[in-house]
Amino acid sequence: METSLEQRVLEHLCRVYGLGIDEVRELFAIGRTTVGETLGRLDEALAGENWTAMADAAHMLKGTLFNMGLQELGESARALELAAKEGRTAEARRLHAELVPALKEFRVPAAEA
């Protein structure tokens, strides 16, 4: 059975920071909010074909994902950032289409927002 992203992050934060579960859950909630908001920024940038905004949002997402211990997703965000920065728009669109669904767990339902 595959481990959820949340479980992976919680385990990473416990291991790296040596905090209790309540503190780790609080850090996860902050990270979840940041990722969710940044996904919204990515969607807006894509809709407006604003590649500078896309690169900026991908940069923020990359850092958050690395801090949460999600290395492979952080690498995908890095690739998206570079593609957007370098004007490789078809690649940026493809990477966005792959990355956003992989992070669906981090989308905060409207009722919780």
PDB file of N, CA and C in Angstrom:
ATOM      1  N   MET A   1       0.840  -1.181   0.000  1.00  0.00           N
ATOM      2  CA  MET A   1       0.000   0.000   0.000  1.00  0.00           C
ATOM      3  C   MET A   1       0.886   1.246   0.000  1.00  0.00           C
ATOM      4  N   GLU A   2       0.543   2.188  -0.851  1.00  0.00           N
ATOM      5  CA  GLU A   2       1.326   3.414  -0.968  1.00  0.00           C
ATOM      6  C   GLU A   2       1.030   4.345   0.207  1.00  0.00           C
ATOM      7  N   THR A   3       2.071   4.961   0.722  1.00  0.00           N
ATOM      8  CA  THR A   3       1.931   5.901   1.824  1.00  0.00           C
ATOM      9  C   THR A   3       1.448   7.236   1.275  1.00  0.00           C
ATOM     10  N   SER A   4       0.508   7.861   1.977  1.00  0.00           N
ATOM     11  CA  SER A   4       0.008   9.157   1.535  1.00  0.00           C
ATOM     12  C   SER A   4       1.113  10.194   1.656  1.00  0.00           C
ATOM     13  N   LEU A   5       0.959  11.271   0.895  1.00  0.00           N
ATOM     14  CA  LEU A   5       1.921  12.367   1.002  1.00  0.00           C
ATOM     15  C   LEU A   5       1.937  12.913   2.424  1.00  0.00           C
ATOM     16  N   GLU A   6       0.769  13.026   3.028  1.00  0.00           N
ATOM     17  CA  GLU A   6       0.708  13.537   4.395  1.00  0.00           C
ATOM     18  C   GLU A   6       1.537  12.666   5.329  1.00  0.00           C
ATOM     19  N   GLN A   7       1.381  11.363   5.243  1.00  0.00           N
ATOM     20  CA  GLN A   7       2.130  10.459   6.112  1.00  0.00           C
ATOM     21  C   GLN A   7       3.625  10.589   5.873  1.00  0.00           C
ATOM     22  N   ARG A   8       4.018  10.679   4.610  1.00  0.00           N
ATOM     23  CA  ARG A   8       5.441  10.839   4.292  1.00  0.00           C
ATOM     24  C   ARG A   8       5.992  12.116   4.897  1.00  0.00           C
ATOM     25  N   VAL A   9       5.228  13.201   4.788  1.00  0.00           N
ATOM     26  CA  VAL A   9       5.681  14.484   5.331  1.00  0.00           C
ATOM     27  C   VAL A   9       5.767  14.416   6.853  1.00  0.00           C
ATOM     28  N   LEU A  10       4.749  13.855   7.503  1.00  0.00           N
ATOM     29  CA  LEU A  10       4.759  13.761   8.954  1.00  0.00           C
ATOM     30  C   LEU A  10       5.968  12.955   9.442  1.00  0.00           C
ATOM     31  N   GLU A  11       6.240  11.840   8.782  1.00  0.00           N
ATOM     32  CA  GLU A  11       7.392  11.026   9.168  1.00  0.00           C
ATOM     33  C   GLU A  11       8.698  11.792   8.965  1.00  0.00           C
ATOM     34  N   HIS A  12       8.801  12.504   7.846  1.00  0.00           N
ATOM     35  CA  HIS A  12      10.001  13.299   7.565  1.00  0.00           C
ATOM     36  C   HIS A  12      10.195  14.375   8.631  1.00  0.00           C
ATOM     37  N   LEU A  13       9.144  15.100   8.949  1.00  0.00           N
ATOM     38  CA  LEU A  13       9.253  16.186   9.922  1.00  0.00           C
ATOM     39  C   LEU A  13       9.605  15.652  11.314  1.00  0.00           C
ATOM     40  N   CYS A  14       9.034  14.518  11.693  1.00  0.00           N
ATOM     41  CA  CYS A  14       9.387  13.901  12.982  1.00  0.00           C
ATOM     42  C   CYS A  14      10.865  13.519  13.006  1.00  0.00           C
ATOM     43  N   ARG A  15      11.303  12.894  11.933  1.00  0.00           N
ATOM     44  CA  ARG A  15      12.679  12.411  11.850  1.00  0.00           C
ATOM     45  C   ARG A  15      13.676  13.578  11.819  1.00  0.00           C
ATOM     46  N   VAL A  16      13.419  14.580  11.013  1.00  0.00           N
ATOM     47  CA  VAL A  16      14.365  15.674  10.826  1.00  0.00           C
ATOM     48  C   VAL A  16      14.383  16.638  12.007  1.00  0.00           C
ATOM     49  N   TYR A  17      13.211  16.971  12.528  1.00  0.00           N
ATOM     50  CA  TYR A  17      13.142  17.999  13.565  1.00  0.00           C
ATOM     51  C   TYR A  17      12.996  17.437  14.980  1.00  0.00           C
ATOM     52  N   GLY A  18      12.689  16.144  15.083  1.00  0.00           N
ATOM     53  CA  GLY A  18      12.570  15.525  16.390  1.00  0.00           C
ATOM     54  C   GLY A  18      11.463  16.123  17.248  1.00  0.00           C
ATOM     55  N   LEU A  19      10.402  16.586  16.615  1.00  0.00           N
ATOM     56  CA  LEU A  19       9.285  17.190  17.333  1.00  0.00           C
ATOM     57  C   LEU A  19       8.211  16.158  17.634  1.00  0.00           C
ATOM     58  N   GLY A  20       7.312  16.511  18.528  1.00  0.00           N
ATOM     59  CA  GLY A  20       6.165  15.670  18.823  1.00  0.00           C
ATOM     60  C   GLY A  20       5.142  15.760  17.712  1.00  0.00           C
ATOM     61  N   ILE A  21       4.204  14.850  17.740  1.00  0.00           N
ATOM     62  CA  ILE A  21       3.220  14.764  16.661  1.00  0.00           C
ATOM     63  C   ILE A  21       2.359  16.016  16.552  1.00  0.00           C
ATOM     64  N   ASP A  22       2.033  16.664  17.665  1.00  0.00           N
ATOM     65  CA  ASP A  22       1.214  17.879  17.590  1.00  0.00           C
ATOM     66  C   ASP A  22       1.949  18.994  16.857  1.00  0.00           C
ATOM     67  N   GLU A  23       3.223  19.165  17.172  1.00  0.00           N
ATOM     68  CA  GLU A  23       4.019  20.193  16.501  1.00  0.00           C
ATOM     69  C   GLU A  23       4.198  19.868  15.018  1.00  0.00           C
ATOM     70  N   VAL A  24       4.406  18.589  14.742  1.00  0.00           N
ATOM     71  CA  VAL A  24       4.594  18.159  13.359  1.00  0.00           C
ATOM     72  C   VAL A  24       3.305  18.368  12.560  1.00  0.00           C
ATOM     73  N   ARG A  25       2.171  18.071  13.164  1.00  0.00           N
ATOM     74  CA  ARG A  25       0.894  18.289  12.477  1.00  0.00           C
ATOM     75  C   ARG A  25       0.679  19.782  12.194  1.00  0.00           C
ATOM     76  N   GLU A  26       1.116  20.627  13.122  1.00  0.00           N
ATOM     77  CA  GLU A  26       1.006  22.068  12.907  1.00  0.00           C
ATOM     78  C   GLU A  26       1.886  22.509  11.732  1.00  0.00           C
ATOM     79  N   LEU A  27       3.121  22.004  11.679  1.00  0.00           N
ATOM     80  CA  LEU A  27       4.003  22.316  10.554  1.00  0.00           C
ATOM     81  C   LEU A  27       3.413  21.813   9.243  1.00  0.00           C
ATOM     82  N   PHE A  28       2.835  20.613   9.279  1.00  0.00           N
ATOM     83  CA  PHE A  28       2.221  20.069   8.077  1.00  0.00           C
ATOM     84  C   PHE A  28       1.069  20.961   7.612  1.00  0.00           C
ATOM     85  N   ALA A  29       0.263  21.436   8.544  1.00  0.00           N
ATOM     86  CA  ALA A  29      -0.873  22.293   8.177  1.00  0.00           C
ATOM     87  C   ALA A  29      -0.381  23.568   7.490  1.00  0.00           C
ATOM     88  N   ILE A  30       0.692  24.130   7.983  1.00  0.00           N
ATOM     89  CA  ILE A  30       1.258  25.326   7.358  1.00  0.00           C
ATOM     90  C   ILE A  30       1.760  24.992   5.952  1.00  0.00           C
ATOM     91  N   GLY A  31       2.472  23.889   5.827  1.00  0.00           N
ATOM     92  CA  GLY A  31       2.966  23.460   4.518  1.00  0.00           C
ATOM     93  C   GLY A  31       1.843  23.164   3.553  1.00  0.00           C
ATOM     94  N   ARG A  32       0.804  22.511   4.042  1.00  0.00           N
ATOM     95  CA  ARG A  32      -0.356  22.185   3.196  1.00  0.00           C
ATOM     96  C   ARG A  32      -0.991  23.463   2.665  1.00  0.00           C
ATOM     97  N   THR A  33      -1.146  24.449   3.531  1.00  0.00           N
ATOM     98  CA  THR A  33      -1.729  25.724   3.109  1.00  0.00           C
ATOM     99  C   THR A  33      -0.850  26.394   2.065  1.00  0.00           C
ATOM    100  N   THR A  34       0.448  26.401   2.306  1.00  0.00           N
ATOM    101  CA  THR A  34       1.378  27.024   1.365  1.00  0.00           C
ATOM    102  C   THR A  34       1.331  26.334   0.012  1.00  0.00           C
ATOM    103  N   VAL A  35       1.359  25.016   0.013  1.00  0.00           N
ATOM    104  CA  VAL A  35       1.299  24.272  -1.251  1.00  0.00           C
ATOM    105  C   VAL A  35      -0.022  24.539  -1.955  1.00  0.00           C
ATOM    106  N   GLY A  36      -1.127  24.493  -1.226  1.00  0.00           N
ATOM    107  CA  GLY A  36      -2.439  24.738  -1.833  1.00  0.00           C
ATOM    108  C   GLY A  36      -2.535  26.119  -2.466  1.00  0.00           C
ATOM    109  N   GLU A  37      -2.066  27.131  -1.743  1.00  0.00           N
ATOM    110  CA  GLU A  37      -2.092  28.497  -2.284  1.00  0.00           C
ATOM    111  C   GLU A  37      -1.177  28.626  -3.496  1.00  0.00           C
ATOM    112  N   THR A  38      -0.032  27.982  -3.437  1.00  0.00           N
ATOM    113  CA  THR A  38       0.916  28.059  -4.547  1.00  0.00           C
ATOM    114  C   THR A  38       0.384  27.335  -5.772  1.00  0.00           C
ATOM    115  N   LEU A  39      -0.327  26.240  -5.581  1.00  0.00           N
ATOM    116  CA  LEU A  39      -0.965  25.569  -6.718  1.00  0.00           C
ATOM    117  C   LEU A  39      -1.955  26.500  -7.393  1.00  0.00           C
ATOM    118  N   GLY A  40      -2.685  27.275  -6.602  1.00  0.00           N
ATOM    119  CA  GLY A  40      -3.595  28.269  -7.174  1.00  0.00           C
ATOM    120  C   GLY A  40      -2.851  29.305  -7.992  1.00  0.00           C
ATOM    121  N   ARG A  41      -1.695  29.744  -7.483  1.00  0.00           N
ATOM    122  CA  ARG A  41      -0.877  30.709  -8.232  1.00  0.00           C
ATOM    123  C   ARG A  41      -0.376  30.107  -9.541  1.00  0.00           C
ATOM    124  N   LEU A  42      -0.002  28.831  -9.512  1.00  0.00           N
ATOM    125  CA  LEU A  42       0.443  28.158 -10.737  1.00  0.00           C
ATOM    126  C   LEU A  42      -0.683  28.103 -11.761  1.00  0.00           C
ATOM    127  N   ASP A  43      -1.873  27.755 -11.293  1.00  0.00           N
ATOM    128  CA  ASP A  43      -3.030  27.681 -12.197  1.00  0.00           C
ATOM    129  C   ASP A  43      -3.322  29.048 -12.825  1.00  0.00           C
ATOM    130  N   GLU A  44      -3.285  30.106 -12.008  1.00  0.00           N
ATOM    131  CA  GLU A  44      -3.524  31.459 -12.516  1.00  0.00           C
ATOM    132  C   GLU A  44      -2.462  31.865 -13.531  1.00  0.00           C
ATOM    133  N   ALA A  45      -1.217  31.560 -13.229  1.00  0.00           N
ATOM    134  CA  ALA A  45      -0.126  31.907 -14.144  1.00  0.00           C
ATOM    135  C   ALA A  45      -0.287  31.183 -15.473  1.00  0.00           C
ATOM    136  N   LEU A  46      -0.654  29.912 -15.415  1.00  0.00           N
ATOM    137  CA  LEU A  46      -0.853  29.146 -16.637  1.00  0.00           C
ATOM    138  C   LEU A  46      -2.015  29.715 -17.445  1.00  0.00           C
ATOM    139  N   ALA A  47      -3.116  30.010 -16.772  1.00  0.00           N
ATOM    140  CA  ALA A  47      -4.288  30.553 -17.467  1.00  0.00           C
ATOM    141  C   ALA A  47      -3.954  31.872 -18.164  1.00  0.00           C
ATOM    142  N   GLY A  48      -3.120  32.682 -17.526  1.00  0.00           N
ATOM    143  CA  GLY A  48      -2.737  33.971 -18.111  1.00  0.00           C
ATOM    144  C   GLY A  48      -1.474  33.918 -18.945  1.00  0.00           C
ATOM    145  N   GLU A  49      -0.924  32.716 -19.102  1.00  0.00           N
ATOM    146  CA  GLU A  49       0.341  32.521 -19.811  1.00  0.00           C
ATOM    147  C   GLU A  49       1.399  33.500 -19.318  1.00  0.00           C
ATOM    148  N   ASN A  50       1.439  33.665 -17.991  1.00  0.00           N
ATOM    149  CA  ASN A  50       2.410  34.540 -17.342  1.00  0.00           C
ATOM    150  C   ASN A  50       3.549  33.651 -16.847  1.00  0.00           C
ATOM    151  N   TRP A  51       4.574  33.504 -17.674  1.00  0.00           N
ATOM    152  CA  TRP A  51       5.644  32.554 -17.392  1.00  0.00           C
ATOM    153  C   TRP A  51       6.556  33.034 -16.262  1.00  0.00           C
ATOM    154  N   THR A  52       6.653  34.346 -16.070  1.00  0.00           N
ATOM    155  CA  THR A  52       7.427  34.868 -14.942  1.00  0.00           C
ATOM    156  C   THR A  52       6.731  34.491 -13.630  1.00  0.00           C
ATOM    157  N   ALA A  53       5.414  34.681 -13.579  1.00  0.00           N
ATOM    158  CA  ALA A  53       4.648  34.301 -12.393  1.00  0.00           C
ATOM    159  C   ALA A  53       4.699  32.789 -12.183  1.00  0.00           C
ATOM    160  N   MET A  54       4.687  32.041 -13.273  1.00  0.00           N
ATOM    161  CA  MET A  54       4.784  30.577 -13.183  1.00  0.00           C
ATOM    162  C   MET A  54       6.123  30.188 -12.565  1.00  0.00           C
ATOM    163  N   ALA A  55       7.206  30.795 -13.037  1.00  0.00           N
ATOM    164  CA  ALA A  55       8.535  30.483 -12.498  1.00  0.00           C
ATOM    165  C   ALA A  55       8.615  30.850 -11.020  1.00  0.00           C
ATOM    166  N   ASP A  56       8.066  32.005 -10.651  1.00  0.00           N
ATOM    167  CA  ASP A  56       8.086  32.435  -9.245  1.00  0.00           C
ATOM    168  C   ASP A  56       7.311  31.468  -8.352  1.00  0.00           C
ATOM    169  N   ALA A  57       6.117  31.082  -8.789  1.00  0.00           N
ATOM    170  CA  ALA A  57       5.292  30.159  -7.996  1.00  0.00           C
ATOM    171  C   ALA A  57       5.960  28.787  -7.906  1.00  0.00           C
ATOM    172  N   ALA A  58       6.538  28.330  -9.002  1.00  0.00           N
ATOM    173  CA  ALA A  58       7.218  27.029  -9.003  1.00  0.00           C
ATOM    174  C   ALA A  58       8.429  27.065  -8.072  1.00  0.00           C
ATOM    175  N   HIS A  59       9.109  28.205  -8.020  1.00  0.00           N
ATOM    176  CA  HIS A  59      10.258  28.360  -7.115  1.00  0.00           C
ATOM    177  C   HIS A  59       9.801  28.215  -5.657  1.00  0.00           C
ATOM    178  N   MET A  60       8.712  28.879  -5.314  1.00  0.00           N
ATOM    179  CA  MET A  60       8.183  28.787  -3.953  1.00  0.00           C
ATOM    180  C   MET A  60       7.749  27.352  -3.639  1.00  0.00           C
ATOM    181  N   LEU A  61       7.066  26.738  -4.588  1.00  0.00           N
ATOM    182  CA  LEU A  61       6.604  25.364  -4.407  1.00  0.00           C
ATOM    183  C   LEU A  61       7.787  24.421  -4.206  1.00  0.00           C
ATOM    184  N   LYS A  62       8.814  24.601  -5.000  1.00  0.00           N
ATOM    185  CA  LYS A  62      10.019  23.767  -4.899  1.00  0.00           C
ATOM    186  C   LYS A  62      10.577  23.801  -3.478  1.00  0.00           C
ATOM    187  N   GLY A  63      10.758  24.978  -2.935  1.00  0.00           N
ATOM    188  CA  GLY A  63      11.306  25.108  -1.591  1.00  0.00           C
ATOM    189  C   GLY A  63      10.430  24.462  -0.541  1.00  0.00           C
ATOM    190  N   THR A  64       9.139  24.662  -0.655  1.00  0.00           N
ATOM    191  CA  THR A  64       8.208  24.082   0.315  1.00  0.00           C
ATOM    192  C   THR A  64       8.244  22.566   0.248  1.00  0.00           C
ATOM    193  N   LEU A  65       8.244  22.016  -0.954  1.00  0.00           N
ATOM    194  CA  LEU A  65       8.261  20.559  -1.111  1.00  0.00           C
ATOM    195  C   LEU A  65       9.559  19.953  -0.592  1.00  0.00           C
ATOM    196  N   PHE A  66      10.681  20.603  -0.867  1.00  0.00           N
ATOM    197  CA  PHE A  66      11.956  20.101  -0.336  1.00  0.00           C
ATOM    198  C   PHE A  66      11.946  20.137   1.183  1.00  0.00           C
ATOM    199  N   ASN A  67      11.439  21.216   1.763  1.00  0.00           N
ATOM    200  CA  ASN A  67      11.380  21.323   3.228  1.00  0.00           C
ATOM    201  C   ASN A  67      10.475  20.266   3.843  1.00  0.00           C
ATOM    202  N   MET A  68       9.488  19.822   3.081  1.00  0.00           N
ATOM    203  CA  MET A  68       8.565  18.802   3.574  1.00  0.00           C
ATOM    204  C   MET A  68       9.083  17.385   3.327  1.00  0.00           C
ATOM    205  N   GLY A  69      10.254  17.284   2.706  1.00  0.00           N
ATOM    206  CA  GLY A  69      10.842  15.969   2.458  1.00  0.00           C
ATOM    207  C   GLY A  69      10.321  15.278   1.214  1.00  0.00           C
ATOM    208  N   LEU A  70       9.667  16.021   0.332  1.00  0.00           N
ATOM    209  CA  LEU A  70       9.106  15.456  -0.900  1.00  0.00           C
ATOM    210  C   LEU A  70      10.052  15.777  -2.056  1.00  0.00           C
ATOM    211  N   GLN A  71      11.193  15.108  -2.044  1.00  0.00           N
ATOM    212  CA  GLN A  71      12.278  15.419  -2.970  1.00  0.00           C
ATOM    213  C   GLN A  71      11.877  15.291  -4.438  1.00  0.00           C
ATOM    214  N   GLU A  72      11.226  14.186  -4.806  1.00  0.00           N
ATOM    215  CA  GLU A  72      10.906  13.974  -6.220  1.00  0.00           C
ATOM    216  C   GLU A  72       9.919  15.021  -6.727  1.00  0.00           C
ATOM    217  N   LEU A  73       8.981  15.412  -5.888  1.00  0.00           N
ATOM    218  CA  LEU A  73       8.037  16.466  -6.287  1.00  0.00           C
ATOM    219  C   LEU A  73       8.732  17.825  -6.315  1.00  0.00           C
ATOM    220  N   GLY A  74       9.675  18.031  -5.401  1.00  0.00           N
ATOM    221  CA  GLY A  74      10.479  19.255  -5.423  1.00  0.00           C
ATOM    222  C   GLY A  74      11.291  19.354  -6.697  1.00  0.00           C
ATOM    223  N   GLU A  75      11.823  18.234  -7.151  1.00  0.00           N
ATOM    224  CA  GLU A  75      12.574  18.220  -8.418  1.00  0.00           C
ATOM    225  C   GLU A  75      11.658  18.542  -9.599  1.00  0.00           C
ATOM    226  N   SER A  76      10.430  18.059  -9.559  1.00  0.00           N
ATOM    227  CA  SER A  76       9.467  18.389 -10.623  1.00  0.00           C
ATOM    228  C   SER A  76       9.159  19.882 -10.621  1.00  0.00           C
ATOM    229  N   ALA A  77       9.019  20.455  -9.423  1.00  0.00           N
ATOM    230  CA  ALA A  77       8.777  21.901  -9.321  1.00  0.00           C
ATOM    231  C   ALA A  77       9.982  22.680  -9.839  1.00  0.00           C
ATOM    232  N   ARG A  78      11.180  22.178  -9.562  1.00  0.00           N
ATOM    233  CA  ARG A  78      12.400  22.822 -10.077  1.00  0.00           C
ATOM    234  C   ARG A  78      12.400  22.806 -11.609  1.00  0.00           C
ATOM    235  N   ALA A  79      12.054  21.669 -12.188  1.00  0.00           N
ATOM    236  CA  ALA A  79      12.007  21.558 -13.647  1.00  0.00           C
ATOM    237  C   ALA A  79      10.981  22.522 -14.223  1.00  0.00           C
ATOM    238  N   LEU A  80       9.828  22.646 -13.553  1.00  0.00           N
ATOM    239  CA  LEU A  80       8.791  23.581 -14.000  1.00  0.00           C
ATOM    240  C   LEU A  80       9.306  25.010 -13.921  1.00  0.00           C
ATOM    241  N   GLU A  81       9.967  25.350 -12.835  1.00  0.00           N
ATOM    242  CA  GLU A  81      10.528  26.692 -12.677  1.00  0.00           C
ATOM    243  C   GLU A  81      11.486  27.020 -13.828  1.00  0.00           C
ATOM    244  N   LEU A  82      12.396  26.110 -14.109  1.00  0.00           N
ATOM    245  CA  LEU A  82      13.376  26.356 -15.164  1.00  0.00           C
ATOM    246  C   LEU A  82      12.727  26.439 -16.539  1.00  0.00           C
ATOM    247  N   ALA A  83      11.780  25.566 -16.812  1.00  0.00           N
ATOM    248  CA  ALA A  83      11.101  25.600 -18.108  1.00  0.00           C
ATOM    249  C   ALA A  83      10.381  26.931 -18.295  1.00  0.00           C
ATOM    250  N   ALA A  84       9.694  27.396 -17.259  1.00  0.00           N
ATOM    251  CA  ALA A  84       8.975  28.673 -17.352  1.00  0.00           C
ATOM    252  C   ALA A  84       9.959  29.829 -17.509  1.00  0.00           C
ATOM    253  N   LYS A  85      11.041  29.816 -16.748  1.00  0.00           N
ATOM    254  CA  LYS A  85      12.060  30.877 -16.819  1.00  0.00           C
ATOM    255  C   LYS A  85      12.690  30.956 -18.190  1.00  0.00           C
ATOM    256  N   GLU A  86      12.923  29.799 -18.783  1.00  0.00           N
ATOM    257  CA  GLU A  86      13.631  29.728 -20.056  1.00  0.00           C
ATOM    258  C   GLU A  86      12.698  29.783 -21.266  1.00  0.00           C
ATOM    259  N   GLY A  87      11.425  29.997 -21.039  1.00  0.00           N
ATOM    260  CA  GLY A  87      10.476  30.145 -22.137  1.00  0.00           C
ATOM    261  C   GLY A  87      10.136  28.854 -22.862  1.00  0.00           C
ATOM    262  N   ARG A  88      10.375  27.726 -22.232  1.00  0.00           N
ATOM    263  CA  ARG A  88      10.007  26.443 -22.824  1.00  0.00           C
ATOM    264  C   ARG A  88       8.561  26.146 -22.413  1.00  0.00           C
ATOM    265  N   THR A  89       7.646  26.849 -23.077  1.00  0.00           N
ATOM    266  CA  THR A  89       6.254  26.853 -22.635  1.00  0.00           C
ATOM    267  C   THR A  89       5.563  25.499 -22.767  1.00  0.00           C
ATOM    268  N   ALA A  90       5.836  24.760 -23.823  1.00  0.00           N
ATOM    269  CA  ALA A  90       5.210  23.437 -23.978  1.00  0.00           C
ATOM    270  C   ALA A  90       5.654  22.516 -22.842  1.00  0.00           C
ATOM    271  N   GLU A  91       6.933  22.581 -22.494  1.00  0.00           N
ATOM    272  CA  GLU A  91       7.436  21.764 -21.396  1.00  0.00           C
ATOM    273  C   GLU A  91       6.828  22.218 -20.067  1.00  0.00           C
ATOM    274  N   ALA A  92       6.713  23.532 -19.879  1.00  0.00           N
ATOM    275  CA  ALA A  92       6.113  24.063 -18.649  1.00  0.00           C
ATOM    276  C   ALA A  92       4.662  23.594 -18.521  1.00  0.00           C
ATOM    277  N   ARG A  93       3.922  23.623 -19.617  1.00  0.00           N
ATOM    278  CA  ARG A  93       2.532  23.146 -19.581  1.00  0.00           C
ATOM    279  C   ARG A  93       2.475  21.663 -19.201  1.00  0.00           C
ATOM    280  N   ARG A  94       3.362  20.869 -19.801  1.00  0.00           N
ATOM    281  CA  ARG A  94       3.388  19.426 -19.517  1.00  0.00           C
ATOM    282  C   ARG A  94       3.740  19.169 -18.053  1.00  0.00           C
ATOM    283  N   LEU A  95       4.749  19.863 -17.555  1.00  0.00           N
ATOM    284  CA  LEU A  95       5.167  19.675 -16.163  1.00  0.00           C
ATOM    285  C   LEU A  95       4.071  20.108 -15.194  1.00  0.00           C
ATOM    286  N   HIS A  96       3.407  21.198 -15.515  1.00  0.00           N
ATOM    287  CA  HIS A  96       2.283  21.657 -14.686  1.00  0.00           C
ATOM    288  C   HIS A  96       1.205  20.578 -14.656  1.00  0.00           C
ATOM    289  N   ALA A  97       0.884  20.026 -15.825  1.00  0.00           N
ATOM    290  CA  ALA A  97      -0.165  18.997 -15.930  1.00  0.00           C
ATOM    291  C   ALA A  97       0.201  17.735 -15.159  1.00  0.00           C
ATOM    292  N   GLU A  98       1.490  17.458 -14.987  1.00  0.00           N
ATOM    293  CA  GLU A  98       1.923  16.286 -14.218  1.00  0.00           C
ATOM    294  C   GLU A  98       1.994  16.583 -12.718  1.00  0.00           C
ATOM    295  N   LEU A  99       2.465  17.787 -12.377  1.00  0.00           N
ATOM    296  CA  LEU A  99       2.727  18.116 -10.983  1.00  0.00           C
ATOM    297  C   LEU A  99       1.453  18.394 -10.192  1.00  0.00           C
ATOM    298  N   VAL A 100       0.545  19.138 -10.753  1.00  0.00           N
ATOM    299  CA  VAL A 100      -0.655  19.544 -10.016  1.00  0.00           C
ATOM    300  C   VAL A 100      -1.481  18.335  -9.545  1.00  0.00           C
ATOM    301  N   PRO A 101      -1.761  17.359 -10.385  1.00  0.00           N
ATOM    302  CA  PRO A 101      -2.517  16.192  -9.891  1.00  0.00           C
ATOM    303  C   PRO A 101      -1.757  15.407  -8.816  1.00  0.00           C
ATOM    304  N   ALA A 102      -0.442  15.383  -8.893  1.00  0.00           N
ATOM    305  CA  ALA A 102       0.353  14.660  -7.895  1.00  0.00           C
ATOM    306  C   ALA A 102       0.231  15.302  -6.518  1.00  0.00           C
ATOM    307  N   LEU A 103      -0.180  16.570  -6.490  1.00  0.00           N
ATOM    308  CA  LEU A 103      -0.300  17.300  -5.225  1.00  0.00           C
ATOM    309  C   LEU A 103      -1.752  17.535  -4.822  1.00  0.00           C
ATOM    310  N   LYS A 104      -2.671  16.804  -5.419  1.00  0.00           N
ATOM    311  CA  LYS A 104      -4.102  17.027  -5.152  1.00  0.00           C
ATOM    312  C   LYS A 104      -4.446  16.892  -3.671  1.00  0.00           C
ATOM    313  N   GLU A 105      -3.680  16.091  -2.957  1.00  0.00           N
ATOM    314  CA  GLU A 105      -3.880  15.915  -1.518  1.00  0.00           C
ATOM    315  C   GLU A 105      -3.733  17.231  -0.755  1.00  0.00           C
ATOM    316  N   PHE A 106      -2.985  18.162  -1.334  1.00  0.00           N
ATOM    317  CA  PHE A 106      -2.705  19.421  -0.658  1.00  0.00           C
ATOM    318  C   PHE A 106      -3.720  20.503  -0.954  1.00  0.00           C
ATOM    319  N   ARG A 107      -4.620  20.250  -1.876  1.00  0.00           N
ATOM    320  CA  ARG A 107      -5.683  21.227  -2.153  1.00  0.00           C
ATOM    321  C   ARG A 107      -6.611  21.250  -0.961  1.00  0.00           C
ATOM    322  N   VAL A 108      -6.822  22.430  -0.403  1.00  0.00           N
ATOM    323  CA  VAL A 108      -7.709  22.564   0.743  1.00  0.00           C
ATOM    324  C   VAL A 108      -9.129  22.740   0.222  1.00  0.00           C
ATOM    325  N   PRO A 109     -10.047  21.849   0.612  1.00  0.00           N
ATOM    326  CA  PRO A 109     -11.438  22.011   0.171  1.00  0.00           C
ATOM    327  C   PRO A 109     -11.984  23.372   0.601  1.00  0.00           C
ATOM    328  N   ALA A 110     -12.855  23.936  -0.206  1.00  0.00           N
ATOM    329  CA  ALA A 110     -13.404  25.271   0.051  1.00  0.00           C
ATOM    330  C   ALA A 110     -13.996  25.382   1.461  1.00  0.00           C
ATOM    331  N   ALA A 111     -14.613  24.334   1.961  1.00  0.00           N
ATOM    332  CA  ALA A 111     -15.227  24.362   3.289  1.00  0.00           C
ATOM    333  C   ALA A 111     -14.203  24.582   4.402  1.00  0.00           C
ATOM    334  N   GLU A 112     -12.946  24.149   4.156  1.00  0.00           N
ATOM    335  CA  GLU A 112     -11.882  24.295   5.154  1.00  0.00           C
ATOM    336  C   GLU A 112     -11.135  25.610   5.017  1.00  0.00           C
ATOM    337  N   ALA A 113     -11.198  26.231   3.851  1.00  0.00           N
ATOM    338  CA  ALA A 113     -10.417  27.447   3.592  1.00  0.00           C
ATOM    339  C   ALA A 113     -10.915  28.621   4.374  1.00  0.00           C
TER     340      ALA A 113
END
